[in-house]
Amino acid sequence: TTGTDRFFGNYVDASDNIYAFGYDNSGTCLIIKYDTTGAVTWKNTFNLATGCSCYSGTVDSSGNVYAGGYFSGATKGFLMKTNSSGTVTWTRSLSGTSEGQCSDAIVDSTGSNVYVGFSWSSGTRRSGVAKYNSSGTIQWQRQLNITSGNAMRITRDSSDNVYAISDDENYVVKYNS
């Protein structure tokens, strides 16, 4: 990569391929897939909007990539899906998020649902979790009842229950699968 690429997140899939998520020198979303030797398998930029960044991502068992981030011009959080070659399948603006970002993304054990942690501001910082199916249809979105949430991180257990934590308040929230 060039010295002007910036990365915020990474993911290692079941085959030990590494995915890097960030933006390039033109302010365009960037995802790079590396093989186990560190060679670039593919490198794709996505001009979703002026000044967008990918903050995080995950990969399902079919090699589809889900990446989240924000559009800086509209300051909206987004989630996008690419196929295993890095071609965009769909993009979704996170519902109800103004001045926000998608800070984390995970898939469930079946690969049929993707969860995103996000934060936004409309005067007060808020955090939430949203569930999408693999076709990009939102299943539900939950706002956390706190006063200053920020940068949600999420994980799941072996039963696909989702756990969310904020980086600036001490709490953990569990969502049943």
Protein backbone atom coordinates (compact mmCIF):
# COMPACT_ATOMS: atom_id res chain seq x y z
CA THR A 1 0.00 0.00 0.00
CA THR A 2 1.03 3.62 -0.30
CA GLY A 3 2.05 5.71 2.66
CA THR A 4 -1.18 7.68 2.45
CA ASP A 5 -3.59 4.80 3.12
CA ARG A 6 -5.06 4.89 6.64
CA PHE A 7 -6.58 1.89 8.42
CA PHE A 8 -8.98 1.75 11.36
CA GLY A 9 -9.97 -1.91 11.48
CA ASN A 10 -8.94 -5.40 10.47
CA TYR A 11 -10.35 -8.92 10.38
CA VAL A 12 -8.85 -12.38 9.96
CA ASP A 13 -11.13 -14.97 8.31
CA ALA A 14 -11.26 -18.74 8.89
CA SER A 15 -8.60 -19.27 6.16
CA ASP A 16 -6.25 -16.73 7.80
CA ASN A 17 -6.73 -14.09 5.09
CA ILE A 18 -6.43 -10.58 6.51
CA TYR A 19 -8.77 -7.71 5.62
CA ALA A 20 -7.83 -4.08 6.30
CA PHE A 21 -10.49 -1.34 6.47
CA GLY A 22 -9.85 2.39 6.11
CA TYR A 23 -9.51 5.10 3.46
CA ASP A 24 -7.01 6.13 0.80
CA ASN A 25 -5.35 9.47 0.02
CA SER A 26 -8.41 10.71 -1.90
CA GLY A 27 -10.74 10.17 1.10
CA THR A 28 -12.37 7.10 -0.43
CA CYS A 29 -13.34 3.95 1.46
CA LEU A 30 -10.70 1.26 1.13
CA ILE A 31 -10.67 -2.48 1.76
CA ILE A 32 -7.61 -4.63 1.13
CA LYS A 33 -7.56 -8.42 1.32
CA TYR A 34 -4.19 -10.06 2.01
CA ASP A 35 -3.47 -13.78 1.73
CA THR A 36 -1.59 -15.77 4.38
CA THR A 37 1.79 -14.72 2.93
CA GLY A 38 0.90 -11.02 3.12
CA ALA A 39 0.40 -10.63 -0.64
CA VAL A 40 -2.52 -8.43 -1.74
CA THR A 41 -5.36 -10.61 -3.10
CA TRP A 42 -7.47 -7.58 -3.97
CA LYS A 43 -7.60 -3.90 -3.14
CA ASN A 44 -10.79 -1.98 -3.76
CA THR A 45 -11.81 1.60 -3.17
CA PHE A 46 -15.44 2.56 -2.91
CA ASN A 47 -16.47 6.10 -3.78
CA LEU A 48 -19.66 5.95 -1.73
CA ALA A 49 -19.50 9.67 -0.97
CA THR A 50 -16.90 12.38 -0.67
CA GLY A 51 -14.77 11.71 2.36
CA CYS A 52 -15.93 8.29 3.49
CA SER A 53 -14.01 5.88 5.70
CA CYS A 54 -14.40 2.21 6.56
CA TYR A 55 -13.97 1.77 10.32
CA SER A 56 -14.51 -1.92 10.73
CA GLY A 57 -15.56 -5.08 9.00
CA THR A 58 -16.22 -8.77 9.13
CA VAL A 59 -16.39 -11.69 6.69
CA ASP A 60 -18.96 -14.49 6.50
CA SER A 61 -18.22 -18.14 5.70
CA SER A 62 -18.85 -17.50 1.96
CA GLY A 63 -16.22 -14.76 1.85
CA ASN A 64 -18.70 -11.86 1.67
CA VAL A 65 -17.33 -8.77 3.37
CA TYR A 66 -19.43 -6.44 5.53
CA ALA A 67 -17.83 -3.06 6.22
CA GLY A 68 -19.06 -0.14 8.27
CA GLY A 69 -17.97 3.45 8.54
CA TYR A 70 -19.18 6.94 7.83
CA PHE A 71 -19.71 9.50 5.05
CA SER A 72 -17.98 12.66 6.28
CA GLY A 73 -19.87 15.05 3.97
CA ALA A 74 -23.24 13.98 5.35
CA THR A 75 -21.68 12.53 8.52
CA LYS A 76 -23.88 9.45 8.21
CA GLY A 77 -23.03 5.94 9.27
CA PHE A 78 -23.16 3.18 6.65
CA LEU A 79 -22.95 -0.57 6.23
CA MET A 80 -21.96 -2.18 2.93
CA LYS A 81 -21.62 -5.72 1.66
CA THR A 82 -19.18 -6.91 -0.99
CA ASN A 83 -18.89 -10.33 -2.56
CA SER A 84 -15.75 -12.42 -2.08
CA SER A 85 -14.02 -10.51 -4.90
CA GLY A 86 -14.67 -7.14 -3.26
CA THR A 87 -17.46 -5.98 -5.61
CA VAL A 88 -20.18 -4.01 -3.75
CA THR A 89 -23.47 -5.92 -3.46
CA TRP A 90 -25.37 -3.31 -1.43
CA THR A 91 -24.89 -0.24 0.77
CA ARG A 92 -27.17 0.98 3.56
CA SER A 93 -27.22 4.28 5.39
CA LEU A 94 -27.77 3.55 9.07
CA SER A 95 -31.33 4.52 9.85
CA GLY A 96 -31.73 7.55 12.06
CA THR A 97 -28.06 8.34 12.40
CA SER A 98 -27.10 11.95 11.90
CA GLU A 99 -23.53 12.91 12.67
CA GLY A 100 -22.82 9.24 13.21
CA GLN A 101 -20.64 6.28 12.37
CA CYS A 102 -20.76 2.52 12.21
CA SER A 103 -18.00 1.49 14.56
CA ASP A 104 -18.20 -2.32 14.49
CA ALA A 105 -19.72 -5.17 12.48
CA ILE A 106 -20.11 -8.90 13.12
CA VAL A 107 -21.96 -11.77 11.43
CA ASP A 108 -23.81 -14.53 13.23
CA SER A 109 -22.69 -18.16 13.11
CA THR A 110 -24.93 -18.94 10.12
CA GLY A 111 -23.84 -15.92 8.08
CA SER A 112 -27.47 -14.93 7.61
CA ASN A 113 -27.44 -11.83 9.85
CA VAL A 114 -25.02 -8.98 10.36
CA TYR A 115 -25.01 -6.75 13.45
CA VAL A 116 -23.53 -3.26 13.62
CA GLY A 117 -22.62 -1.08 16.57
CA PHE A 118 -23.04 2.61 15.89
CA SER A 119 -23.07 6.01 17.54
CA TRP A 120 -24.58 9.31 16.51
CA SER A 121 -25.32 12.78 17.80
CA SER A 122 -28.31 15.03 17.57
CA GLY A 123 -27.15 17.29 20.38
CA THR A 124 -26.39 14.37 22.74
CA ARG A 125 -24.16 11.42 21.87
CA ARG A 126 -26.12 8.16 21.56
CA SER A 127 -25.22 4.56 20.81
CA GLY A 128 -27.08 1.60 19.40
CA VAL A 129 -27.05 -1.78 17.73
CA ALA A 130 -28.80 -2.73 14.48
CA LYS A 131 -29.45 -6.14 12.94
CA TYR A 132 -29.59 -6.63 9.15
CA ASN A 133 -30.15 -9.80 7.18
CA SER A 134 -27.60 -10.79 4.54
CA SER A 135 -29.73 -9.07 1.86
CA GLY A 136 -29.38 -5.72 3.66
CA THR A 137 -32.90 -5.51 5.09
CA ILE A 138 -32.95 -4.06 8.58
CA GLN A 139 -34.46 -6.47 11.11
CA TRP A 140 -34.29 -4.20 14.15
CA GLN A 141 -32.43 -1.23 15.58
CA ARG A 142 -32.02 -0.51 19.30
CA GLN A 143 -30.91 2.72 20.93
CA LEU A 144 -29.17 2.33 24.25
CA ASN A 145 -30.77 4.34 27.03
CA ILE A 146 -27.67 6.25 28.09
CA THR A 147 -26.70 9.90 27.87
CA SER A 148 -23.27 9.96 26.23
CA GLY A 149 -22.68 6.78 24.26
CA ASN A 150 -19.90 6.61 21.72
CA ALA A 151 -18.15 4.12 19.42
CA MET A 152 -20.03 0.88 20.11
CA ARG A 153 -18.06 -2.37 20.03
CA ILE A 154 -19.96 -5.62 19.68
CA THR A 155 -19.27 -9.34 19.87
CA ARG A 156 -21.34 -12.52 19.99
CA ASP A 157 -21.34 -15.75 21.93
CA SER A 158 -21.76 -19.32 20.63
CA SER A 159 -25.58 -18.95 20.80
CA ASP A 160 -25.43 -15.78 18.65
CA ASN A 161 -26.43 -13.47 21.49
CA VAL A 162 -24.89 -10.05 20.83
CA TYR A 163 -23.04 -8.02 23.46
CA ALA A 164 -22.43 -4.28 23.07
CA ILE A 165 -20.06 -2.02 25.00
CA SER A 166 -19.35 1.68 24.73
CA ASP A 167 -15.90 3.25 24.92
CA ASP A 168 -16.90 6.08 27.24
CA GLU A 169 -19.39 4.58 29.71
CA ASN A 170 -19.00 1.43 31.74
CA TYR A 171 -21.80 -0.82 30.57
CA VAL A 172 -22.45 -4.01 28.63
CA VAL A 173 -25.78 -4.75 26.96
CA LYS A 174 -26.91 -8.20 25.82
CA TYR A 175 -29.29 -8.73 22.88
CA ASN A 176 -30.78 -12.19 22.39
CA SER A 177 -30.38 -13.70 18.95
